[in-house]
Amino acid sequence: MSTNLNGNIYPVWGINSENQVFAVDANNAVHVLSDANFAEVIAISESGIVWAISGVPDPSSGSVLYFSTGDGKWTALTNVPGAVILTGGNADGAVYATEDGQIWTVNTIGEGEQIANIQDLQELDYGGGNLWAVFPEKPGGPACLQFTSASQVPAVWKPFAGSPSVSGISANYSGDCYAASDYNPMYYSQDGQSSNSAGSGANGSTLALTFKNTFYLLSTSADENGNKVMIWVDEKGGVFQDAGFQAIQVLASYYLPSS
């Protein structure tokens, strides 16, 4: 099923302190695209479909998984179990995990398959044909960064070299991973071994990163309006600067600026 790329007219999405979904356009204007208390988690597929785990269930199904083309209109899926972790997927799809560790793919007509079952899964993100996750190598052990090809079913996970302890992960358009390590922004290559700093300007203050075609992070600096969002600027080797808005979750999109 193919859908238009309406979601891609916005470089970045977020959830604000009132649990509204919002998007920020190329002129840095904020557009609120849901009611208050709607969204708990959002994700975006490669085609621009925006997905949400919502605290507002669908009256007929109890569903908490919704999707939108980016126009502020949300459709509930009625035949999926409850999702607690969510990421976008390839084409129109998404990947979600349930409370008991089942990981499923899903598309906009509710079709999908189970690809893994992971106990103590902490985080999950898709990009560039890869899934990255944070969970223990062995039951009861420390959680670490792991990855797999999204096309491999069932998934075969590979721990990243050194089993780094990270949080706030994001897989970018090429399949590499970005994450916070000791509140510093870090890069982890899909070769499974190479890592490096992801840029200056946010060391010691990084909660989460988000990189699809655009690159942002959520800072520890916060007030009643949410956490400060920072944007990566390609100068001096890459530096994060204040993006001019706040959020409780920030989500870069597969944004293609008009030529």
C-alpha atoms as a PDB file:
ATOM      1  CA  MET A   1       0.000   0.000   0.000  1.00  0.00           C
ATOM      2  CA  SER A   2       1.487   3.340  -1.003  1.00  0.00           C
ATOM      3  CA  THR A   3       0.742   6.640   0.665  1.00  0.00           C
ATOM      4  CA  ASN A   4       1.735  10.197  -0.177  1.00  0.00           C
ATOM      5  CA  LEU A   5       4.572  11.944   1.582  1.00  0.00           C
ATOM      6  CA  ASN A   6       2.600  14.578   3.483  1.00  0.00           C
ATOM      7  CA  GLY A   7       4.579  13.899   6.650  1.00  0.00           C
ATOM      8  CA  ASN A   8       7.763  14.916   4.912  1.00  0.00           C
ATOM      9  CA  ILE A   9       6.781  18.568   4.574  1.00  0.00           C
ATOM     10  CA  TYR A  10       8.021  18.982   8.163  1.00  0.00           C
ATOM     11  CA  PRO A  11      11.678  18.479   9.109  1.00  0.00           C
ATOM     12  CA  VAL A  12      10.831  17.639  12.715  1.00  0.00           C
ATOM     13  CA  TRP A  13       7.922  16.483  14.863  1.00  0.00           C
ATOM     14  CA  GLY A  14       7.376  16.379  18.597  1.00  0.00           C
ATOM     15  CA  ILE A  15       5.104  15.920  21.569  1.00  0.00           C
ATOM     16  CA  ASN A  16       4.655  19.011  23.726  1.00  0.00           C
ATOM     17  CA  SER A  17       4.042  19.340  27.457  1.00  0.00           C
ATOM     18  CA  GLU A  18       0.270  19.000  26.876  1.00  0.00           C
ATOM     19  CA  ASN A  19       0.810  15.695  25.039  1.00  0.00           C
ATOM     20  CA  GLN A  20      -0.162  17.240  21.714  1.00  0.00           C
ATOM     21  CA  VAL A  21       1.579  16.163  18.518  1.00  0.00           C
ATOM     22  CA  PHE A  22       3.177  19.115  16.769  1.00  0.00           C
ATOM     23  CA  ALA A  23       5.375  19.668  13.720  1.00  0.00           C
ATOM     24  CA  VAL A  24       7.868  22.425  12.957  1.00  0.00           C
ATOM     25  CA  ASP A  25       8.209  23.664   9.390  1.00  0.00           C
ATOM     26  CA  ALA A  26      11.272  24.908   7.557  1.00  0.00           C
ATOM     27  CA  ASN A  27      10.585  28.454   8.806  1.00  0.00           C
ATOM     28  CA  ASN A  28      10.531  27.200  12.424  1.00  0.00           C
ATOM     29  CA  ALA A  29       6.776  27.757  12.771  1.00  0.00           C
ATOM     30  CA  VAL A  30       5.053  25.263  15.080  1.00  0.00           C
ATOM     31  CA  HIS A  31       1.878  23.481  13.912  1.00  0.00           C
ATOM     32  CA  VAL A  32      -0.220  21.614  16.513  1.00  0.00           C
ATOM     33  CA  LEU A  33      -1.681  18.485  14.915  1.00  0.00           C
ATOM     34  CA  SER A  34      -3.611  16.683  17.652  1.00  0.00           C
ATOM     35  CA  ASP A  35      -5.780  17.314  20.670  1.00  0.00           C
ATOM     36  CA  ALA A  36      -4.252  17.676  24.122  1.00  0.00           C
ATOM     37  CA  ASN A  37      -3.489  14.438  26.026  1.00  0.00           C
ATOM     38  CA  PHE A  38      -3.470  12.489  22.760  1.00  0.00           C
ATOM     39  CA  ALA A  39       0.073  11.189  22.282  1.00  0.00           C
ATOM     40  CA  GLU A  40       2.430   9.241  24.504  1.00  0.00           C
ATOM     41  CA  VAL A  41       4.963   8.229  21.817  1.00  0.00           C
ATOM     42  CA  ILE A  42       5.314   9.118  18.128  1.00  0.00           C
ATOM     43  CA  ALA A  43       7.277   7.580  15.240  1.00  0.00           C
ATOM     44  CA  ILE A  44       7.615   8.171  11.493  1.00  0.00           C
ATOM     45  CA  SER A  45       7.868   5.735   8.595  1.00  0.00           C
ATOM     46  CA  GLU A  46      10.099   6.167   5.558  1.00  0.00           C
ATOM     47  CA  SER A  47       7.110   7.320   3.494  1.00  0.00           C
ATOM     48  CA  GLY A  48       6.217  10.068   5.966  1.00  0.00           C
ATOM     49  CA  ILE A  49       3.376   8.344   7.802  1.00  0.00           C
ATOM     50  CA  VAL A  50       3.326   9.520  11.430  1.00  0.00           C
ATOM     51  CA  TRP A  51       2.451   6.906  14.058  1.00  0.00           C
ATOM     52  CA  ALA A  52       1.379   7.440  17.664  1.00  0.00           C
ATOM     53  CA  ILE A  53       0.790   5.424  20.789  1.00  0.00           C
ATOM     54  CA  SER A  54      -2.110   7.314  22.288  1.00  0.00           C
ATOM     55  CA  GLY A  55      -3.582   7.512  25.736  1.00  0.00           C
ATOM     56  CA  VAL A  56      -6.965   8.059  24.088  1.00  0.00           C
ATOM     57  CA  PRO A  57      -8.356   4.649  23.050  1.00  0.00           C
ATOM     58  CA  ASP A  58     -10.554   4.130  20.025  1.00  0.00           C
ATOM     59  CA  PRO A  59     -14.117   3.711  21.406  1.00  0.00           C
ATOM     60  CA  SER A  60     -14.886   0.644  19.282  1.00  0.00           C
ATOM     61  CA  SER A  61     -11.661  -1.294  19.726  1.00  0.00           C
ATOM     62  CA  GLY A  62      -9.650  -0.057  22.654  1.00  0.00           C
ATOM     63  CA  SER A  63      -6.778   0.488  20.219  1.00  0.00           C
ATOM     64  CA  VAL A  64      -4.026   2.869  21.260  1.00  0.00           C
ATOM     65  CA  LEU A  65      -2.097   2.797  17.948  1.00  0.00           C
ATOM     66  CA  TYR A  66      -2.928   5.560  15.476  1.00  0.00           C
ATOM     67  CA  PHE A  67      -1.451   6.839  12.217  1.00  0.00           C
ATOM     68  CA  SER A  68      -1.691  10.032  10.162  1.00  0.00           C
ATOM     69  CA  THR A  69      -0.462  11.325   6.818  1.00  0.00           C
ATOM     70  CA  GLY A  70       0.654  14.460   8.664  1.00  0.00           C
ATOM     71  CA  ASP A  71      -2.509  16.523   8.274  1.00  0.00           C
ATOM     72  CA  GLY A  72      -3.703  16.264  11.883  1.00  0.00           C
ATOM     73  CA  LYS A  73      -6.296  13.569  11.130  1.00  0.00           C
ATOM     74  CA  TRP A  74      -5.641  10.310  13.000  1.00  0.00           C
ATOM     75  CA  THR A  75      -6.857   6.782  12.195  1.00  0.00           C
ATOM     76  CA  ALA A  76      -6.947   4.047  14.851  1.00  0.00           C
ATOM     77  CA  LEU A  77      -5.898   0.498  14.034  1.00  0.00           C
ATOM     78  CA  THR A  78      -8.407  -1.930  15.496  1.00  0.00           C
ATOM     79  CA  ASN A  79      -6.628  -5.280  15.229  1.00  0.00           C
ATOM     80  CA  VAL A  80      -3.287  -4.813  16.983  1.00  0.00           C
ATOM     81  CA  PRO A  81      -2.310  -5.651  20.569  1.00  0.00           C
ATOM     82  CA  GLY A  82      -1.247  -2.874  22.897  1.00  0.00           C
ATOM     83  CA  ALA A  83       2.026  -1.218  21.971  1.00  0.00           C
ATOM     84  CA  VAL A  84       4.389   0.293  24.539  1.00  0.00           C
ATOM     85  CA  ILE A  85       7.459   0.933  22.328  1.00  0.00           C
ATOM     86  CA  LEU A  86       7.145   2.283  18.780  1.00  0.00           C
ATOM     87  CA  THR A  87       9.348   3.154  15.815  1.00  0.00           C
ATOM     88  CA  GLY A  88       8.715   3.872  12.162  1.00  0.00           C
ATOM     89  CA  GLY A  89       9.499   1.206   9.583  1.00  0.00           C
ATOM     90  CA  ASN A  90      10.097   0.867   5.864  1.00  0.00           C
ATOM     91  CA  ALA A  91       7.548   2.202   3.361  1.00  0.00           C
ATOM     92  CA  ASP A  92       4.331   3.050   5.270  1.00  0.00           C
ATOM     93  CA  GLY A  93       5.041   0.690   8.140  1.00  0.00           C
ATOM     94  CA  ALA A  94       5.909   0.808  11.804  1.00  0.00           C
ATOM     95  CA  VAL A  95       7.467  -1.582  14.291  1.00  0.00           C
ATOM     96  CA  TYR A  96       6.147  -1.850  17.827  1.00  0.00           C
ATOM     97  CA  ALA A  97       6.799  -3.853  20.969  1.00  0.00           C
ATOM     98  CA  THR A  98       4.245  -5.037  23.497  1.00  0.00           C
ATOM     99  CA  GLU A  99       4.663  -5.057  27.253  1.00  0.00           C
ATOM    100  CA  ASP A 100       5.625  -8.741  27.218  1.00  0.00           C
ATOM    101  CA  GLY A 101       8.401  -8.191  24.653  1.00  0.00           C
ATOM    102  CA  GLN A 102       6.749  -9.222  21.390  1.00  0.00           C
ATOM    103  CA  ILE A 103       8.027  -7.171  18.460  1.00  0.00           C
ATOM    104  CA  TRP A 104       5.683  -6.797  15.469  1.00  0.00           C
ATOM    105  CA  THR A 105       5.646  -4.994  12.169  1.00  0.00           C
ATOM    106  CA  VAL A 106       2.439  -3.248  11.114  1.00  0.00           C
ATOM    107  CA  ASN A 107       1.194  -1.243   8.122  1.00  0.00           C
ATOM    108  CA  THR A 108      -1.678   1.192   7.703  1.00  0.00           C
ATOM    109  CA  ILE A 109      -4.233  -1.584   7.119  1.00  0.00           C
ATOM    110  CA  GLY A 110      -3.167  -3.455  10.219  1.00  0.00           C
ATOM    111  CA  GLU A 111      -1.160  -6.206   8.548  1.00  0.00           C
ATOM    112  CA  GLY A 112       2.136  -7.350  10.040  1.00  0.00           C
ATOM    113  CA  GLU A 113       4.181 -10.177  11.493  1.00  0.00           C
ATOM    114  CA  GLN A 114       6.006 -10.977  14.680  1.00  0.00           C
ATOM    115  CA  ILE A 115       9.755 -10.633  14.178  1.00  0.00           C
ATOM    116  CA  ALA A 116      11.160 -11.133  17.682  1.00  0.00           C
ATOM    117  CA  ASN A 117      10.379 -11.670  21.343  1.00  0.00           C
ATOM    118  CA  ILE A 118      12.712  -9.858  23.727  1.00  0.00           C
ATOM    119  CA  GLN A 119      12.440  -9.722  27.477  1.00  0.00           C
ATOM    120  CA  ASP A 120      13.509  -6.463  29.145  1.00  0.00           C
ATOM    121  CA  LEU A 121      13.498  -4.514  25.876  1.00  0.00           C
ATOM    122  CA  GLN A 122      14.204  -0.875  26.704  1.00  0.00           C
ATOM    123  CA  GLU A 123      14.409   0.897  23.338  1.00  0.00           C
ATOM    124  CA  LEU A 124      13.912   0.202  19.635  1.00  0.00           C
ATOM    125  CA  ASP A 125      14.443   2.254  16.483  1.00  0.00           C
ATOM    126  CA  TYR A 126      14.446   1.638  12.715  1.00  0.00           C
ATOM    127  CA  GLY A 127      16.437   3.329   9.969  1.00  0.00           C
ATOM    128  CA  GLY A 128      18.121   2.451   6.695  1.00  0.00           C
ATOM    129  CA  GLY A 129      17.037  -1.186   6.748  1.00  0.00           C
ATOM    130  CA  ASN A 130      18.321  -1.844  10.271  1.00  0.00           C
ATOM    131  CA  LEU A 131      16.676  -2.166  13.666  1.00  0.00           C
ATOM    132  CA  TRP A 132      18.657  -1.025  16.695  1.00  0.00           C
ATOM    133  CA  ALA A 133      17.622  -1.904  20.238  1.00  0.00           C
ATOM    134  CA  VAL A 134      18.732  -1.752  23.852  1.00  0.00           C
ATOM    135  CA  PHE A 135      18.274  -4.931  25.887  1.00  0.00           C
ATOM    136  CA  PRO A 136      20.396  -7.458  27.858  1.00  0.00           C
ATOM    137  CA  GLU A 137      22.550  -9.976  26.000  1.00  0.00           C
ATOM    138  CA  LYS A 138      21.564 -12.514  28.678  1.00  0.00           C
ATOM    139  CA  PRO A 139      18.489 -12.511  30.928  1.00  0.00           C
ATOM    140  CA  GLY A 140      19.142 -10.458  34.029  1.00  0.00           C
ATOM    141  CA  GLY A 141      22.287  -8.887  32.596  1.00  0.00           C
ATOM    142  CA  PRO A 142      22.968  -5.241  31.803  1.00  0.00           C
ATOM    143  CA  ALA A 143      21.194  -3.757  28.800  1.00  0.00           C
ATOM    144  CA  CYS A 144      23.383  -2.875  25.826  1.00  0.00           C
ATOM    145  CA  LEU A 145      23.167  -1.660  22.236  1.00  0.00           C
ATOM    146  CA  GLN A 146      22.319  -4.350  19.650  1.00  0.00           C
ATOM    147  CA  PHE A 147      21.236  -4.362  15.996  1.00  0.00           C
ATOM    148  CA  THR A 148      19.797  -6.564  13.244  1.00  0.00           C
ATOM    149  CA  SER A 149      18.739  -6.332   9.624  1.00  0.00           C
ATOM    150  CA  ALA A 150      15.042  -5.460   9.508  1.00  0.00           C
ATOM    151  CA  SER A 151      14.572  -7.896   6.622  1.00  0.00           C
ATOM    152  CA  GLN A 152      15.720 -10.889   8.681  1.00  0.00           C
ATOM    153  CA  VAL A 153      12.773 -12.754  10.211  1.00  0.00           C
ATOM    154  CA  PRO A 154      13.077 -13.892  12.893  1.00  0.00           C
ATOM    155  CA  ALA A 155      15.539 -11.181  13.882  1.00  0.00           C
ATOM    156  CA  VAL A 156      19.129 -12.169  14.662  1.00  0.00           C
ATOM    157  CA  TRP A 157      20.619  -9.601  17.027  1.00  0.00           C
ATOM    158  CA  LYS A 158      24.296  -8.642  17.207  1.00  0.00           C
ATOM    159  CA  PRO A 159      25.666  -6.781  20.243  1.00  0.00           C
ATOM    160  CA  PHE A 160      27.717  -3.740  19.310  1.00  0.00           C
ATOM    161  CA  ALA A 161      31.419  -4.149  20.144  1.00  0.00           C
ATOM    162  CA  GLY A 162      32.041  -3.491  23.818  1.00  0.00           C
ATOM    163  CA  SER A 163      28.322  -3.807  24.642  1.00  0.00           C
ATOM    164  CA  PRO A 164      27.862  -0.050  25.230  1.00  0.00           C
ATOM    165  CA  SER A 165      25.238   1.118  27.693  1.00  0.00           C
ATOM    166  CA  VAL A 166      23.223   3.813  25.891  1.00  0.00           C
ATOM    167  CA  SER A 167      19.815   5.451  25.797  1.00  0.00           C
ATOM    168  CA  GLY A 168      17.792   7.730  23.556  1.00  0.00           C
ATOM    169  CA  ILE A 169      18.726   5.795  20.399  1.00  0.00           C
ATOM    170  CA  SER A 170      17.949   6.707  16.783  1.00  0.00           C
ATOM    171  CA  ALA A 171      18.787   4.918  13.534  1.00  0.00           C
ATOM    172  CA  ASN A 172      19.368   7.263  10.611  1.00  0.00           C
ATOM    173  CA  TYR A 173      18.525   6.966   6.901  1.00  0.00           C
ATOM    174  CA  SER A 174      21.690   4.962   6.169  1.00  0.00           C
ATOM    175  CA  GLY A 175      21.218   2.421   8.983  1.00  0.00           C
ATOM    176  CA  ASP A 176      23.734   3.730  11.517  1.00  0.00           C
ATOM    177  CA  CYS A 177      22.796   4.525  15.116  1.00  0.00           C
ATOM    178  CA  TYR A 178      23.030   7.610  17.311  1.00  0.00           C
ATOM    179  CA  ALA A 179      22.557   7.506  21.072  1.00  0.00           C
ATOM    180  CA  ALA A 180      23.263   9.188  24.381  1.00  0.00           C
ATOM    181  CA  SER A 181      26.144   7.717  26.396  1.00  0.00           C
ATOM    182  CA  ASP A 182      26.705   9.353  29.776  1.00  0.00           C
ATOM    183  CA  TYR A 183      24.574  12.219  28.421  1.00  0.00           C
ATOM    184  CA  ASN A 184      26.953  12.731  25.489  1.00  0.00           C
ATOM    185  CA  PRO A 185      25.832  12.390  21.809  1.00  0.00           C
ATOM    186  CA  MET A 186      27.485   9.387  20.166  1.00  0.00           C
ATOM    187  CA  TYR A 187      27.611   7.694  16.740  1.00  0.00           C
ATOM    188  CA  TYR A 188      27.624   3.885  16.300  1.00  0.00           C
ATOM    189  CA  SER A 189      28.308   2.411  12.853  1.00  0.00           C
ATOM    190  CA  GLN A 190      26.402  -0.536  11.447  1.00  0.00           C
ATOM    191  CA  ASP A 191      29.792  -2.221  11.018  1.00  0.00           C
ATOM    192  CA  GLY A 192      29.282  -3.151  14.665  1.00  0.00           C
ATOM    193  CA  GLN A 193      32.594  -1.738  15.863  1.00  0.00           C
ATOM    194  CA  SER A 194      33.181   1.927  14.964  1.00  0.00           C
ATOM    195  CA  SER A 195      31.924   4.685  17.249  1.00  0.00           C
ATOM    196  CA  ASN A 196      32.656   8.346  17.790  1.00  0.00           C
ATOM    197  CA  SER A 197      31.288  11.613  19.100  1.00  0.00           C
ATOM    198  CA  ALA A 198      28.201  12.794  17.207  1.00  0.00           C
ATOM    199  CA  GLY A 199      29.023  16.487  17.575  1.00  0.00           C
ATOM    200  CA  SER A 200      29.830  19.171  20.096  1.00  0.00           C
ATOM    201  CA  GLY A 201      27.600  21.580  21.968  1.00  0.00           C
ATOM    202  CA  ALA A 202      25.553  19.054  23.947  1.00  0.00           C
ATOM    203  CA  ASN A 203      28.102  17.068  25.944  1.00  0.00           C
ATOM    204  CA  GLY A 204      26.773  16.207  29.377  1.00  0.00           C
ATOM    205  CA  SER A 205      23.245  17.355  28.466  1.00  0.00           C
ATOM    206  CA  THR A 206      21.920  14.838  25.896  1.00  0.00           C
ATOM    207  CA  LEU A 207      18.801  12.812  26.743  1.00  0.00           C
ATOM    208  CA  ALA A 208      17.953  11.431  23.300  1.00  0.00           C
ATOM    209  CA  LEU A 209      18.928  11.824  19.661  1.00  0.00           C
ATOM    210  CA  THR A 210      16.799  11.645  16.531  1.00  0.00           C
ATOM    211  CA  PHE A 211      18.262  11.446  13.044  1.00  0.00           C
ATOM    212  CA  LYS A 212      16.465  10.492   9.852  1.00  0.00           C
ATOM    213  CA  ASN A 213      17.360  12.969   7.099  1.00  0.00           C
ATOM    214  CA  THR A 214      17.503  15.734   9.712  1.00  0.00           C
ATOM    215  CA  PHE A 215      19.342  15.609  13.058  1.00  0.00           C
ATOM    216  CA  TYR A 216      18.095  16.859  16.428  1.00  0.00           C
ATOM    217  CA  LEU A 217      18.474  16.010  20.086  1.00  0.00           C
ATOM    218  CA  LEU A 218      16.519  16.441  23.294  1.00  0.00           C
ATOM    219  CA  SER A 219      18.464  18.223  26.012  1.00  0.00           C
ATOM    220  CA  THR A 220      18.372  17.774  29.790  1.00  0.00           C
ATOM    221  CA  SER A 221      17.650  21.517  30.030  1.00  0.00           C
ATOM    222  CA  ALA A 222      13.935  21.702  30.856  1.00  0.00           C
ATOM    223  CA  ASP A 223      11.109  23.694  32.424  1.00  0.00           C
ATOM    224  CA  GLU A 224       7.314  23.397  32.587  1.00  0.00           C
ATOM    225  CA  ASN A 225       7.124  23.705  28.774  1.00  0.00           C
ATOM    226  CA  GLY A 226       9.322  20.665  28.133  1.00  0.00           C
ATOM    227  CA  ASN A 227      12.948  20.009  27.272  1.00  0.00           C
ATOM    228  CA  LYS A 228      15.050  22.206  25.023  1.00  0.00           C
ATOM    229  CA  VAL A 229      15.475  20.820  21.506  1.00  0.00           C
ATOM    230  CA  MET A 230      18.803  21.276  19.714  1.00  0.00           C
ATOM    231  CA  ILE A 231      19.627  20.970  16.013  1.00  0.00           C
ATOM    232  CA  TRP A 232      22.902  19.775  14.497  1.00  0.00           C
ATOM    233  CA  VAL A 233      24.622  22.406  12.377  1.00  0.00           C
ATOM    234  CA  ASP A 234      27.328  21.348   9.928  1.00  0.00           C
ATOM    235  CA  GLU A 235      30.106  23.656  11.018  1.00  0.00           C
ATOM    236  CA  LYS A 236      33.319  23.242  13.051  1.00  0.00           C
ATOM    237  CA  GLY A 237      33.004  19.478  12.655  1.00  0.00           C
ATOM    238  CA  GLY A 238      29.351  19.515  13.652  1.00  0.00           C
ATOM    239  CA  VAL A 239      27.796  21.406  16.552  1.00  0.00           C
ATOM    240  CA  PHE A 240      24.378  21.308  18.266  1.00  0.00           C
ATOM    241  CA  GLN A 241      22.579  24.617  18.687  1.00  0.00           C
ATOM    242  CA  ASP A 242      19.263  25.640  20.236  1.00  0.00           C
ATOM    243  CA  ALA A 243      16.465  24.835  17.753  1.00  0.00           C
ATOM    244  CA  GLY A 244      14.109  27.403  19.282  1.00  0.00           C
ATOM    245  CA  PHE A 245      11.371  25.123  20.646  1.00  0.00           C
ATOM    246  CA  GLN A 246      10.728  22.608  23.438  1.00  0.00           C
ATOM    247  CA  ALA A 247       9.268  19.105  23.600  1.00  0.00           C
ATOM    248  CA  ILE A 248       8.914  16.003  25.739  1.00  0.00           C
ATOM    249  CA  GLN A 249       9.724  13.894  22.652  1.00  0.00           C
ATOM    250  CA  VAL A 250      11.355  15.087  19.441  1.00  0.00           C
ATOM    251  CA  LEU A 251      11.333  13.160  16.165  1.00  0.00           C
ATOM    252  CA  ALA A 252      13.284  13.976  13.017  1.00  0.00           C
ATOM    253  CA  SER A 253      11.507  13.113   9.761  1.00  0.00           C
ATOM    254  CA  TYR A 254      12.622  11.859   6.369  1.00  0.00           C
ATOM    255  CA  TYR A 255      12.370  15.454   5.213  1.00  0.00           C
ATOM    256  CA  LEU A 256      13.123  16.298   1.581  1.00  0.00           C
ATOM    257  CA  PRO A 257      13.297  20.076   1.114  1.00  0.00           C
ATOM    258  CA  SER A 258      11.709  21.361  -2.078  1.00  0.00           C
ATOM    259  CA  SER A 259      14.210  22.322  -4.759  1.00  0.00           C
END
